[in-house]
Amino acid sequence: MLLRIRVRLPDRPGSLGQVARTLGAAGADVVQMAVLERANGRALDDFTVSWPAGADAGRLRGGLGSVPGVDVVGVWPTAEPHGVFPDAAVIGQVAAVPERGAEILADAVPAILSADWAGLAETGPDGTAVLVHASVGGLEGAEPPALEPLRPRAFTAPDGAEYAICPMPGNGALVVSRAGAPPFHQTEVLRLEQLAGAAAAVLSAGLLRTP
């Protein structure tokens, strides 16, 4: 199984290697790492690791917590996106099957952003929204939390679930959710916005297959 681990650590030489060695000593195999932010001598990094199914992830928290200056922000399950460059692969799939382009995007986003599910929501004149399509884990026809203001952003719902949203053409929005995980970082919201923008541009530009 794959886990996403978000840690805050000192932004100095050797800190990253120490975290990687600690993960390895605990039995995790690092398959990906991303820097989310660097400021005031601290960095916020996401590690994707391969972890034995059923093993207690507490070993990871305990090991990382013993490293001076390292704070564990969150550990949660994730899935491996398809392709070496998943963002580009998704846009290619959107162009290949344009009649399902928006749904393909929503179905692919959870793996890309380590989320539980994603969906397409339509908003009405009164501001209420309903999911007209949901990926595995979501519930089509359900009402997501209030999406206003409808702009790229992240927020925490009253039930504690984390959300990221991005407007789609028309009165729609791309909604992404996860529970038991840290809030969506601004870089994740930006990635969602770029994916939605690229998909919309491909479809509106008529870059579709000819019969």
N, C-alpha and C. Protein backbone atom coordinates (compact mmCIF):
# COMPACT_ATOMS: atom_id res chain seq x y z
N MET A 1 0.84 -1.19 0.00
CA MET A 1 0.00 0.00 0.00
C MET A 1 0.87 1.24 0.00
N LEU A 2 0.26 2.35 -0.42
CA LEU A 2 0.98 3.62 -0.45
C LEU A 2 0.44 4.55 0.62
N LEU A 3 1.34 5.28 1.24
CA LEU A 3 0.98 6.30 2.22
C LEU A 3 1.56 7.64 1.79
N ARG A 4 0.84 8.70 2.10
CA ARG A 4 1.38 10.05 1.94
C ARG A 4 1.73 10.56 3.32
N ILE A 5 2.93 11.08 3.48
CA ILE A 5 3.41 11.59 4.76
C ILE A 5 3.81 13.05 4.58
N ARG A 6 3.20 13.92 5.33
CA ARG A 6 3.52 15.36 5.26
C ARG A 6 4.30 15.74 6.52
N VAL A 7 5.48 16.29 6.33
CA VAL A 7 6.33 16.67 7.45
C VAL A 7 6.83 18.09 7.29
N ARG A 8 7.02 18.74 8.41
CA ARG A 8 7.68 20.05 8.43
C ARG A 8 9.05 19.82 9.05
N LEU A 9 10.09 20.35 8.38
CA LEU A 9 11.45 20.06 8.81
C LEU A 9 12.35 21.27 8.59
N PRO A 10 13.52 21.30 9.24
CA PRO A 10 14.45 22.40 9.03
C PRO A 10 14.91 22.44 7.58
N ASP A 11 14.95 23.63 7.02
CA ASP A 11 15.37 23.80 5.63
C ASP A 11 16.88 24.02 5.61
N ARG A 12 17.60 22.93 5.82
CA ARG A 12 19.06 23.00 5.84
C ARG A 12 19.63 21.69 5.31
N PRO A 13 20.86 21.71 4.82
CA PRO A 13 21.47 20.49 4.27
C PRO A 13 21.45 19.34 5.28
N GLY A 14 21.10 18.18 4.81
CA GLY A 14 21.11 16.99 5.65
C GLY A 14 19.76 16.62 6.23
N SER A 15 18.84 17.60 6.36
CA SER A 15 17.54 17.31 6.99
C SER A 15 16.72 16.35 6.15
N LEU A 16 16.71 16.58 4.85
CA LEU A 16 15.93 15.72 3.96
C LEU A 16 16.46 14.28 3.98
N GLY A 17 17.79 14.15 3.94
CA GLY A 17 18.38 12.83 3.99
C GLY A 17 18.10 12.11 5.29
N GLN A 18 18.08 12.86 6.39
CA GLN A 18 17.80 12.24 7.69
C GLN A 18 16.38 11.70 7.74
N VAL A 19 15.43 12.47 7.16
CA VAL A 19 14.05 12.01 7.13
C VAL A 19 13.94 10.75 6.27
N ALA A 20 14.59 10.75 5.11
CA ALA A 20 14.54 9.59 4.21
C ALA A 20 15.14 8.35 4.88
N ARG A 21 16.25 8.54 5.59
CA ARG A 21 16.87 7.40 6.28
C ARG A 21 15.96 6.87 7.39
N THR A 22 15.29 7.77 8.08
CA THR A 22 14.39 7.36 9.16
C THR A 22 13.22 6.56 8.60
N LEU A 23 12.68 7.01 7.47
CA LEU A 23 11.59 6.28 6.83
C LEU A 23 12.05 4.88 6.42
N GLY A 24 13.25 4.80 5.86
CA GLY A 24 13.79 3.51 5.45
C GLY A 24 14.01 2.58 6.63
N ALA A 25 14.51 3.12 7.71
CA ALA A 25 14.75 2.30 8.90
C ALA A 25 13.45 1.75 9.48
N ALA A 26 12.36 2.50 9.28
CA ALA A 26 11.06 2.05 9.79
C ALA A 26 10.42 1.02 8.88
N GLY A 27 10.97 0.85 7.67
CA GLY A 27 10.43 -0.14 6.74
C GLY A 27 9.68 0.44 5.57
N ALA A 28 9.76 1.77 5.39
CA ALA A 28 9.07 2.43 4.27
C ALA A 28 10.03 2.64 3.11
N ASP A 29 9.52 2.47 1.91
CA ASP A 29 10.29 2.70 0.70
C ASP A 29 9.79 3.97 0.04
N VAL A 30 10.62 5.01 0.00
CA VAL A 30 10.20 6.30 -0.56
C VAL A 30 10.12 6.18 -2.08
N VAL A 31 8.93 6.51 -2.63
CA VAL A 31 8.75 6.44 -4.08
C VAL A 31 8.61 7.82 -4.71
N GLN A 32 8.33 8.84 -3.88
CA GLN A 32 8.18 10.19 -4.42
C GLN A 32 8.31 11.20 -3.29
N MET A 33 8.79 12.40 -3.63
CA MET A 33 8.90 13.47 -2.66
C MET A 33 8.59 14.79 -3.35
N ALA A 34 7.85 15.66 -2.67
CA ALA A 34 7.51 16.96 -3.24
C ALA A 34 7.65 18.02 -2.16
N VAL A 35 8.24 19.14 -2.52
CA VAL A 35 8.38 20.28 -1.62
C VAL A 35 7.17 21.19 -1.81
N LEU A 36 6.43 21.42 -0.74
CA LEU A 36 5.24 22.26 -0.82
C LEU A 36 5.55 23.73 -0.54
N GLU A 37 6.46 23.96 0.40
CA GLU A 37 6.81 25.35 0.69
C GLU A 37 8.13 25.41 1.44
N ARG A 38 8.76 26.56 1.34
CA ARG A 38 10.01 26.84 2.07
C ARG A 38 9.94 28.28 2.55
N ALA A 39 10.03 28.48 3.86
CA ALA A 39 9.95 29.83 4.40
C ALA A 39 10.48 29.85 5.82
N ASN A 40 11.17 30.92 6.17
CA ASN A 40 11.64 31.14 7.53
C ASN A 40 12.47 29.98 8.08
N GLY A 41 13.30 29.40 7.22
CA GLY A 41 14.18 28.33 7.66
C GLY A 41 13.51 26.99 7.84
N ARG A 42 12.24 26.86 7.39
CA ARG A 42 11.50 25.60 7.51
C ARG A 42 10.97 25.20 6.14
N ALA A 43 10.78 23.92 5.95
CA ALA A 43 10.22 23.41 4.70
C ALA A 43 9.06 22.49 5.04
N LEU A 44 8.10 22.42 4.11
CA LEU A 44 6.97 21.51 4.23
C LEU A 44 7.04 20.56 3.05
N ASP A 45 7.24 19.27 3.32
CA ASP A 45 7.45 18.28 2.27
C ASP A 45 6.41 17.17 2.36
N ASP A 46 6.06 16.63 1.20
CA ASP A 46 5.21 15.45 1.12
C ASP A 46 6.04 14.27 0.62
N PHE A 47 5.98 13.17 1.34
CA PHE A 47 6.63 11.93 0.91
C PHE A 47 5.55 10.91 0.58
N THR A 48 5.70 10.23 -0.54
CA THR A 48 4.87 9.07 -0.85
C THR A 48 5.73 7.85 -0.64
N VAL A 49 5.26 6.92 0.20
CA VAL A 49 6.06 5.75 0.53
C VAL A 49 5.25 4.48 0.32
N SER A 50 5.96 3.43 -0.01
CA SER A 50 5.36 2.09 -0.06
C SER A 50 5.47 1.49 1.33
N TRP A 51 4.35 0.98 1.84
CA TRP A 51 4.29 0.52 3.23
C TRP A 51 3.56 -0.82 3.27
N PRO A 52 4.05 -1.78 4.04
CA PRO A 52 3.40 -3.09 4.09
C PRO A 52 1.94 -2.99 4.51
N ALA A 53 1.06 -3.62 3.76
CA ALA A 53 -0.37 -3.60 4.09
C ALA A 53 -0.60 -4.20 5.47
N GLY A 54 -1.38 -3.49 6.27
CA GLY A 54 -1.70 -3.97 7.61
C GLY A 54 -0.69 -3.59 8.67
N ALA A 55 0.47 -3.08 8.28
CA ALA A 55 1.48 -2.69 9.26
C ALA A 55 1.05 -1.40 9.97
N ASP A 56 1.44 -1.27 11.19
CA ASP A 56 1.08 -0.10 11.99
C ASP A 56 1.90 1.11 11.55
N ALA A 57 1.20 2.14 11.04
CA ALA A 57 1.89 3.35 10.61
C ALA A 57 2.42 4.16 11.78
N GLY A 58 2.09 3.74 12.99
CA GLY A 58 2.61 4.45 14.16
C GLY A 58 4.12 4.41 14.22
N ARG A 59 4.73 3.37 13.63
CA ARG A 59 6.19 3.29 13.59
C ARG A 59 6.76 4.46 12.80
N LEU A 60 6.06 4.85 11.76
CA LEU A 60 6.54 5.98 10.95
C LEU A 60 6.46 7.28 11.76
N ARG A 61 5.32 7.49 12.39
CA ARG A 61 5.17 8.70 13.20
C ARG A 61 6.20 8.74 14.33
N GLY A 62 6.37 7.60 14.99
CA GLY A 62 7.31 7.55 16.09
C GLY A 62 8.73 7.80 15.65
N GLY A 63 9.11 7.19 14.53
CA GLY A 63 10.47 7.39 14.03
C GLY A 63 10.73 8.81 13.62
N LEU A 64 9.80 9.38 12.87
CA LEU A 64 9.97 10.76 12.42
C LEU A 64 9.91 11.74 13.59
N GLY A 65 9.06 11.43 14.56
CA GLY A 65 8.94 12.31 15.71
C GLY A 65 10.19 12.38 16.55
N SER A 66 11.07 11.37 16.39
CA SER A 66 12.31 11.37 17.17
C SER A 66 13.42 12.17 16.49
N VAL A 67 13.19 12.61 15.27
CA VAL A 67 14.21 13.39 14.55
C VAL A 67 14.11 14.85 14.99
N PRO A 68 15.18 15.42 15.49
CA PRO A 68 15.12 16.81 15.97
C PRO A 68 14.64 17.77 14.88
N GLY A 69 13.66 18.59 15.24
CA GLY A 69 13.18 19.63 14.33
C GLY A 69 12.13 19.17 13.34
N VAL A 70 11.80 17.88 13.35
CA VAL A 70 10.82 17.36 12.39
C VAL A 70 9.46 17.22 13.06
N ASP A 71 8.43 17.78 12.42
CA ASP A 71 7.06 17.66 12.89
C ASP A 71 6.25 16.91 11.85
N VAL A 72 5.54 15.88 12.29
CA VAL A 72 4.68 15.11 11.39
C VAL A 72 3.32 15.79 11.31
N VAL A 73 2.97 16.29 10.12
CA VAL A 73 1.71 16.99 9.92
C VAL A 73 0.58 16.01 9.66
N GLY A 74 0.87 14.92 8.94
CA GLY A 74 -0.18 13.95 8.65
C GLY A 74 0.35 12.72 7.96
N VAL A 75 -0.34 11.60 8.15
CA VAL A 75 -0.05 10.34 7.46
C VAL A 75 -1.39 9.76 7.02
N TRP A 76 -1.56 9.53 5.72
CA TRP A 76 -2.83 9.01 5.23
C TRP A 76 -2.64 8.18 3.96
N PRO A 77 -3.58 7.28 3.67
CA PRO A 77 -3.46 6.42 2.49
C PRO A 77 -3.57 7.22 1.20
N THR A 78 -2.91 6.75 0.18
CA THR A 78 -3.00 7.39 -1.12
C THR A 78 -2.97 6.31 -2.19
N ALA A 79 -3.09 6.72 -3.43
CA ALA A 79 -3.04 5.79 -4.55
C ALA A 79 -2.06 6.33 -5.57
N GLU A 80 -1.53 5.45 -6.39
CA GLU A 80 -0.53 5.85 -7.37
C GLU A 80 -1.22 6.31 -8.66
N PRO A 81 -0.98 7.55 -9.08
CA PRO A 81 -1.59 8.02 -10.33
C PRO A 81 -1.08 7.21 -11.51
N HIS A 82 -1.87 7.16 -12.58
CA HIS A 82 -1.46 6.44 -13.77
C HIS A 82 -0.46 7.26 -14.56
N GLY A 83 0.59 6.61 -15.06
CA GLY A 83 1.56 7.27 -15.92
C GLY A 83 2.67 7.94 -15.14
N VAL A 84 3.78 8.15 -15.83
CA VAL A 84 4.93 8.82 -15.22
C VAL A 84 4.61 10.28 -14.97
N PHE A 85 3.87 10.90 -15.88
CA PHE A 85 3.46 12.30 -15.74
C PHE A 85 1.93 12.33 -15.71
N PRO A 86 1.34 12.09 -14.54
CA PRO A 86 -0.11 11.89 -14.46
C PRO A 86 -0.93 13.07 -14.95
N ASP A 87 -0.49 14.31 -14.69
CA ASP A 87 -1.25 15.47 -15.13
C ASP A 87 -1.39 15.48 -16.65
N ALA A 88 -0.27 15.25 -17.35
CA ALA A 88 -0.29 15.23 -18.80
C ALA A 88 -1.12 14.05 -19.31
N ALA A 89 -1.02 12.91 -18.63
CA ALA A 89 -1.78 11.73 -19.05
C ALA A 89 -3.27 11.99 -18.97
N VAL A 90 -3.72 12.67 -17.92
CA VAL A 90 -5.14 12.95 -17.76
C VAL A 90 -5.64 13.86 -18.87
N ILE A 91 -4.88 14.90 -19.18
CA ILE A 91 -5.30 15.82 -20.24
C ILE A 91 -5.35 15.08 -21.58
N GLY A 92 -4.44 14.16 -21.80
CA GLY A 92 -4.49 13.35 -23.01
C GLY A 92 -5.74 12.51 -23.07
N GLN A 93 -6.16 11.94 -21.93
CA GLN A 93 -7.37 11.14 -21.89
C GLN A 93 -8.61 12.01 -22.12
N VAL A 94 -8.59 13.23 -21.60
CA VAL A 94 -9.69 14.16 -21.81
C VAL A 94 -9.85 14.46 -23.30
N ALA A 95 -8.72 14.70 -23.97
CA ALA A 95 -8.76 15.00 -25.41
C ALA A 95 -9.19 13.79 -26.22
N ALA A 96 -8.82 12.60 -25.76
CA ALA A 96 -9.14 11.38 -26.50
C ALA A 96 -10.62 11.02 -26.41
N VAL A 97 -11.23 11.32 -25.27
CA VAL A 97 -12.65 10.98 -25.08
C VAL A 97 -13.37 12.24 -24.59
N PRO A 98 -13.52 13.25 -25.45
CA PRO A 98 -14.04 14.55 -25.01
C PRO A 98 -15.45 14.51 -24.45
N GLU A 99 -16.27 13.56 -24.94
CA GLU A 99 -17.64 13.50 -24.46
C GLU A 99 -17.71 13.14 -22.97
N ARG A 100 -16.62 12.61 -22.43
CA ARG A 100 -16.54 12.28 -21.00
C ARG A 100 -15.38 13.02 -20.33
N GLY A 101 -14.95 14.10 -20.95
CA GLY A 101 -13.75 14.79 -20.47
C GLY A 101 -13.82 15.22 -19.02
N ALA A 102 -14.91 15.85 -18.61
CA ALA A 102 -15.02 16.34 -17.23
C ALA A 102 -15.05 15.18 -16.25
N GLU A 103 -15.77 14.12 -16.60
CA GLU A 103 -15.84 12.95 -15.72
C GLU A 103 -14.48 12.27 -15.59
N ILE A 104 -13.74 12.18 -16.70
CA ILE A 104 -12.41 11.58 -16.66
C ILE A 104 -11.51 12.37 -15.72
N LEU A 105 -11.60 13.69 -15.80
CA LEU A 105 -10.80 14.54 -14.91
C LEU A 105 -11.15 14.27 -13.45
N ALA A 106 -12.44 14.25 -13.13
CA ALA A 106 -12.86 14.04 -11.75
C ALA A 106 -12.43 12.67 -11.24
N ASP A 107 -12.50 11.66 -12.10
CA ASP A 107 -12.12 10.30 -11.68
C ASP A 107 -10.62 10.18 -11.41
N ALA A 108 -9.81 11.00 -12.09
CA ALA A 108 -8.36 10.90 -11.96
C ALA A 108 -7.80 11.73 -10.80
N VAL A 109 -8.50 12.77 -10.41
CA VAL A 109 -7.97 13.72 -9.43
C VAL A 109 -7.67 13.10 -8.06
N PRO A 110 -8.50 12.19 -7.52
CA PRO A 110 -8.19 11.66 -6.18
C PRO A 110 -6.80 11.05 -6.07
N ALA A 111 -6.37 10.29 -7.07
CA ALA A 111 -5.03 9.69 -7.00
C ALA A 111 -3.96 10.77 -7.12
N ILE A 112 -4.19 11.77 -7.93
CA ILE A 112 -3.19 12.82 -8.14
C ILE A 112 -3.00 13.65 -6.87
N LEU A 113 -4.09 13.93 -6.16
CA LEU A 113 -4.02 14.80 -4.98
C LEU A 113 -4.15 14.03 -3.66
N SER A 114 -4.00 12.72 -3.70
CA SER A 114 -4.10 11.91 -2.48
C SER A 114 -5.38 12.22 -1.71
N ALA A 115 -6.49 12.15 -2.44
CA ALA A 115 -7.79 12.43 -1.86
C ALA A 115 -8.64 11.17 -1.83
N ASP A 116 -9.78 11.25 -1.13
CA ASP A 116 -10.69 10.11 -1.05
C ASP A 116 -11.58 10.00 -2.27
N TRP A 117 -12.06 11.16 -2.75
CA TRP A 117 -12.93 11.17 -3.91
C TRP A 117 -12.97 12.57 -4.51
N ALA A 118 -13.49 12.65 -5.72
CA ALA A 118 -13.71 13.95 -6.38
C ALA A 118 -15.02 13.87 -7.14
N GLY A 119 -15.59 15.01 -7.43
CA GLY A 119 -16.85 15.02 -8.16
C GLY A 119 -17.07 16.32 -8.88
N LEU A 120 -18.07 16.30 -9.75
CA LEU A 120 -18.49 17.50 -10.48
C LEU A 120 -19.79 17.97 -9.86
N ALA A 121 -19.82 19.22 -9.45
CA ALA A 121 -21.00 19.78 -8.82
C ALA A 121 -21.58 20.89 -9.69
N GLU A 122 -22.90 20.98 -9.67
CA GLU A 122 -23.59 22.07 -10.35
C GLU A 122 -24.28 22.91 -9.29
N THR A 123 -24.14 24.22 -9.41
CA THR A 123 -24.75 25.12 -8.44
C THR A 123 -26.00 25.76 -9.04
N GLY A 124 -26.99 25.95 -8.18
CA GLY A 124 -28.22 26.58 -8.61
C GLY A 124 -28.25 28.06 -8.29
N PRO A 125 -29.31 28.77 -8.69
CA PRO A 125 -29.41 30.21 -8.44
C PRO A 125 -29.34 30.58 -6.97
N ASP A 126 -29.79 29.66 -6.11
CA ASP A 126 -29.77 29.95 -4.67
C ASP A 126 -28.44 29.61 -4.02
N GLY A 127 -27.46 29.15 -4.83
CA GLY A 127 -26.14 28.86 -4.30
C GLY A 127 -25.95 27.44 -3.83
N THR A 128 -27.02 26.65 -3.76
CA THR A 128 -26.88 25.25 -3.37
C THR A 128 -26.24 24.46 -4.50
N ALA A 129 -25.61 23.35 -4.16
CA ALA A 129 -24.91 22.55 -5.16
C ALA A 129 -25.26 21.08 -4.98
N VAL A 130 -25.15 20.34 -6.07
CA VAL A 130 -25.40 18.90 -6.04
C VAL A 130 -24.36 18.23 -6.92
N LEU A 131 -23.91 17.06 -6.51
CA LEU A 131 -22.93 16.32 -7.29
C LEU A 131 -23.63 15.61 -8.45
N VAL A 132 -23.24 15.94 -9.67
CA VAL A 132 -23.82 15.30 -10.85
C VAL A 132 -22.92 14.15 -11.33
N HIS A 133 -21.72 14.07 -10.80
CA HIS A 133 -20.84 12.94 -11.06
C HIS A 133 -19.88 12.83 -9.89
N ALA A 134 -19.60 11.60 -9.47
CA ALA A 134 -18.66 11.37 -8.37
C ALA A 134 -17.78 10.19 -8.70
N SER A 135 -16.52 10.30 -8.33
CA SER A 135 -15.59 9.19 -8.50
C SER A 135 -15.89 8.13 -7.45
N VAL A 136 -15.18 7.02 -7.51
CA VAL A 136 -15.31 5.98 -6.48
C VAL A 136 -15.04 6.61 -5.11
N GLY A 137 -15.93 6.38 -4.19
CA GLY A 137 -15.79 6.95 -2.84
C GLY A 137 -16.73 8.11 -2.61
N GLY A 138 -17.20 8.73 -3.69
CA GLY A 138 -18.15 9.82 -3.58
C GLY A 138 -19.57 9.32 -3.81
N LEU A 139 -20.55 10.20 -3.68
CA LEU A 139 -21.95 9.81 -3.82
C LEU A 139 -22.65 10.77 -4.76
N GLU A 140 -22.92 10.29 -5.98
CA GLU A 140 -23.62 11.12 -6.95
C GLU A 140 -25.00 11.48 -6.42
N GLY A 141 -25.37 12.75 -6.59
CA GLY A 141 -26.64 13.24 -6.09
C GLY A 141 -26.56 13.84 -4.70
N ALA A 142 -25.42 13.66 -4.03
CA ALA A 142 -25.25 14.23 -2.70
C ALA A 142 -25.03 15.74 -2.79
N GLU A 143 -25.28 16.42 -1.69
CA GLU A 143 -25.05 17.86 -1.61
C GLU A 143 -23.74 18.12 -0.88
N PRO A 144 -22.73 18.66 -1.58
CA PRO A 144 -21.47 18.99 -0.90
C PRO A 144 -21.66 20.20 -0.01
N PRO A 145 -20.68 20.51 0.81
CA PRO A 145 -20.76 21.73 1.62
C PRO A 145 -20.90 22.95 0.71
N ALA A 146 -21.36 24.06 1.27
CA ALA A 146 -21.53 25.29 0.50
C ALA A 146 -20.24 25.64 -0.24
N LEU A 147 -20.35 25.87 -1.55
CA LEU A 147 -19.17 26.12 -2.36
C LEU A 147 -18.86 27.61 -2.55
N GLU A 148 -19.76 28.45 -2.12
CA GLU A 148 -19.52 29.89 -2.24
C GLU A 148 -18.53 30.37 -1.19
N PRO A 149 -17.59 31.26 -1.55
CA PRO A 149 -17.38 31.83 -2.90
C PRO A 149 -16.77 30.79 -3.83
N LEU A 150 -17.29 30.76 -5.07
CA LEU A 150 -16.87 29.76 -6.04
C LEU A 150 -15.59 30.23 -6.73
N ARG A 151 -14.48 29.90 -6.09
CA ARG A 151 -13.15 30.24 -6.61
C ARG A 151 -12.20 29.15 -6.15
N PRO A 152 -11.03 29.03 -6.79
CA PRO A 152 -10.09 27.99 -6.35
C PRO A 152 -9.68 28.22 -4.90
N ARG A 153 -9.97 27.26 -4.05
CA ARG A 153 -9.66 27.42 -2.63
C ARG A 153 -9.80 26.08 -1.92
N ALA A 154 -9.31 26.05 -0.69
CA ALA A 154 -9.44 24.89 0.18
C ALA A 154 -10.17 25.31 1.44
N PHE A 155 -10.92 24.38 2.02
CA PHE A 155 -11.61 24.69 3.27
C PHE A 155 -11.92 23.40 4.02
N THR A 156 -12.21 23.54 5.31
CA THR A 156 -12.57 22.41 6.16
C THR A 156 -14.06 22.46 6.42
N ALA A 157 -14.76 21.35 6.13
CA ALA A 157 -16.20 21.28 6.33
C ALA A 157 -16.51 21.11 7.81
N PRO A 158 -17.76 21.41 8.22
CA PRO A 158 -18.14 21.25 9.63
C PRO A 158 -17.89 19.85 10.18
N ASP A 159 -17.95 18.81 9.32
CA ASP A 159 -17.71 17.45 9.81
C ASP A 159 -16.24 17.10 9.87
N GLY A 160 -15.36 18.06 9.55
CA GLY A 160 -13.92 17.84 9.64
C GLY A 160 -13.27 17.38 8.35
N ALA A 161 -14.06 17.06 7.33
CA ALA A 161 -13.49 16.65 6.05
C ALA A 161 -12.83 17.85 5.37
N GLU A 162 -11.76 17.58 4.64
CA GLU A 162 -11.04 18.63 3.93
C GLU A 162 -11.52 18.67 2.48
N TYR A 163 -11.67 19.89 1.96
CA TYR A 163 -12.16 20.08 0.60
C TYR A 163 -11.25 21.04 -0.17
N ALA A 164 -11.18 20.81 -1.47
CA ALA A 164 -10.59 21.77 -2.40
C ALA A 164 -11.56 21.87 -3.56
N ILE A 165 -11.78 23.08 -4.05
CA ILE A 165 -12.72 23.27 -5.14
C ILE A 165 -12.10 24.17 -6.20
N CYS A 166 -12.61 24.02 -7.41
CA CYS A 166 -12.17 24.84 -8.53
C CYS A 166 -13.34 25.01 -9.48
N PRO A 167 -13.66 26.23 -9.91
CA PRO A 167 -14.77 26.42 -10.85
C PRO A 167 -14.51 25.70 -12.17
N MET A 168 -15.59 25.24 -12.78
CA MET A 168 -15.56 24.66 -14.11
C MET A 168 -16.45 25.52 -15.01
N PRO A 169 -16.32 25.37 -16.32
CA PRO A 169 -17.16 26.17 -17.23
C PRO A 169 -18.65 26.03 -16.89
N GLY A 170 -19.40 27.11 -17.05
CA GLY A 170 -20.81 27.11 -16.69
C GLY A 170 -20.99 27.38 -15.22
N ASN A 171 -21.92 26.69 -14.61
CA ASN A 171 -22.20 26.87 -13.19
C ASN A 171 -21.66 25.72 -12.35
N GLY A 172 -20.61 25.07 -12.85
CA GLY A 172 -20.10 23.89 -12.18
C GLY A 172 -18.83 24.12 -11.41
N ALA A 173 -18.45 23.10 -10.67
CA ALA A 173 -17.20 23.14 -9.91
C ALA A 173 -16.65 21.73 -9.79
N LEU A 174 -15.34 21.64 -9.74
CA LEU A 174 -14.65 20.38 -9.46
C LEU A 174 -14.39 20.36 -7.96
N VAL A 175 -14.91 19.34 -7.28
CA VAL A 175 -14.84 19.24 -5.83
C VAL A 175 -14.00 18.04 -5.45
N VAL A 176 -13.03 18.22 -4.55
CA VAL A 176 -12.15 17.15 -4.11
C VAL A 176 -12.22 17.08 -2.59
N SER A 177 -12.26 15.85 -2.04
CA SER A 177 -12.41 15.71 -0.59
C SER A 177 -11.52 14.60 -0.05
N ARG A 178 -11.08 14.76 1.18
CA ARG A 178 -10.37 13.71 1.91
C ARG A 178 -10.61 13.91 3.40
N ALA A 179 -10.55 12.81 4.13
CA ALA A 179 -10.74 12.85 5.58
C ALA A 179 -9.53 12.19 6.24
N GLY A 180 -9.30 12.55 7.50
CA GLY A 180 -8.16 11.98 8.22
C GLY A 180 -6.83 12.41 7.65
N ALA A 181 -6.79 13.56 7.02
CA ALA A 181 -5.58 14.06 6.37
C ALA A 181 -5.48 15.56 6.59
N PRO A 182 -4.30 16.14 6.36
CA PRO A 182 -4.16 17.59 6.53
C PRO A 182 -4.97 18.35 5.49
N PRO A 183 -5.23 19.63 5.73
CA PRO A 183 -5.91 20.45 4.73
C PRO A 183 -5.14 20.47 3.41
N PHE A 184 -5.85 20.69 2.33
CA PHE A 184 -5.19 20.84 1.05
C PHE A 184 -4.29 22.06 1.07
N HIS A 185 -3.05 21.87 0.65
CA HIS A 185 -2.10 22.97 0.62
C HIS A 185 -2.37 23.83 -0.61
N GLN A 186 -1.91 25.08 -0.55
CA GLN A 186 -2.14 25.98 -1.68
C GLN A 186 -1.54 25.45 -2.97
N THR A 187 -0.43 24.72 -2.88
CA THR A 187 0.16 24.16 -4.10
C THR A 187 -0.76 23.08 -4.68
N GLU A 188 -1.48 22.37 -3.83
CA GLU A 188 -2.43 21.37 -4.32
C GLU A 188 -3.62 22.05 -4.98
N VAL A 189 -4.09 23.14 -4.40
CA VAL A 189 -5.18 23.89 -5.00
C VAL A 189 -4.75 24.45 -6.37
N LEU A 190 -3.52 24.94 -6.44
CA LEU A 190 -3.01 25.45 -7.71
C LEU A 190 -2.93 24.34 -8.76
N ARG A 191 -2.50 23.16 -8.34
CA ARG A 191 -2.42 22.04 -9.27
C ARG A 191 -3.80 21.66 -9.78
N LEU A 192 -4.78 21.67 -8.87
CA LEU A 192 -6.16 21.39 -9.27
C LEU A 192 -6.65 22.44 -10.27
N GLU A 193 -6.35 23.70 -10.01
CA GLU A 193 -6.76 24.78 -10.91
C GLU A 193 -6.12 24.62 -12.28
N GLN A 194 -4.85 24.25 -12.31
CA GLN A 194 -4.17 24.07 -13.59
C GLN A 194 -4.73 22.89 -14.37
N LEU A 195 -5.05 21.80 -13.68
CA LEU A 195 -5.65 20.65 -14.33
C LEU A 195 -7.01 21.00 -14.93
N ALA A 196 -7.84 21.67 -14.13
CA ALA A 196 -9.16 22.05 -14.61
C ALA A 196 -9.06 23.02 -15.78
N GLY A 197 -8.13 23.97 -15.69
CA GLY A 197 -7.96 24.94 -16.76
C GLY A 197 -7.47 24.31 -18.05
N ALA A 198 -6.53 23.36 -17.92
CA ALA A 198 -6.02 22.68 -19.11
C ALA A 198 -7.10 21.84 -19.77
N ALA A 199 -7.88 21.13 -18.96
CA ALA A 199 -8.96 20.31 -19.52
C ALA A 199 -9.99 21.18 -20.22
N ALA A 200 -10.37 22.29 -19.59
CA ALA A 200 -11.35 23.19 -20.20
C ALA A 200 -10.81 23.78 -21.50
N ALA A 201 -9.51 24.12 -21.52
CA ALA A 201 -8.93 24.70 -22.72
C ALA A 201 -8.90 23.69 -23.87
N VAL A 202 -8.57 22.44 -23.56
CA VAL A 202 -8.54 21.40 -24.59
C VAL A 202 -9.93 21.21 -25.20
N LEU A 203 -10.94 21.16 -24.35
CA LEU A 203 -12.29 20.93 -24.84
C LEU A 203 -12.84 22.14 -25.61
N SER A 204 -12.63 23.33 -25.08
CA SER A 204 -13.19 24.52 -25.73
C SER A 204 -12.46 24.88 -27.02
N ALA A 205 -11.19 24.44 -27.15
CA ALA A 205 -10.43 24.76 -28.36
C ALA A 205 -10.74 23.81 -29.50
N GLY A 206 -11.57 22.80 -29.23
CA GLY A 206 -11.94 21.88 -30.27
C GLY A 206 -10.84 20.87 -30.62
N LEU A 207 -9.95 20.62 -29.65
CA LEU A 207 -8.89 19.65 -29.91
C LEU A 207 -9.44 18.25 -29.65
N LEU A 208 -10.41 17.86 -30.47
CA LEU A 208 -11.10 16.60 -30.28
C LEU A 208 -10.81 15.66 -31.44
N ARG A 209 -11.09 14.41 -31.23
CA ARG A 209 -10.90 13.43 -32.30
C ARG A 209 -11.95 13.66 -33.38
N THR A 210 -11.58 13.48 -34.60
CA THR A 210 -12.56 13.53 -35.70
C THR A 210 -13.08 12.13 -35.96
N PRO A 211 -14.35 11.98 -36.27
CA PRO A 211 -14.90 10.64 -36.48
C PRO A 211 -14.21 9.93 -37.63
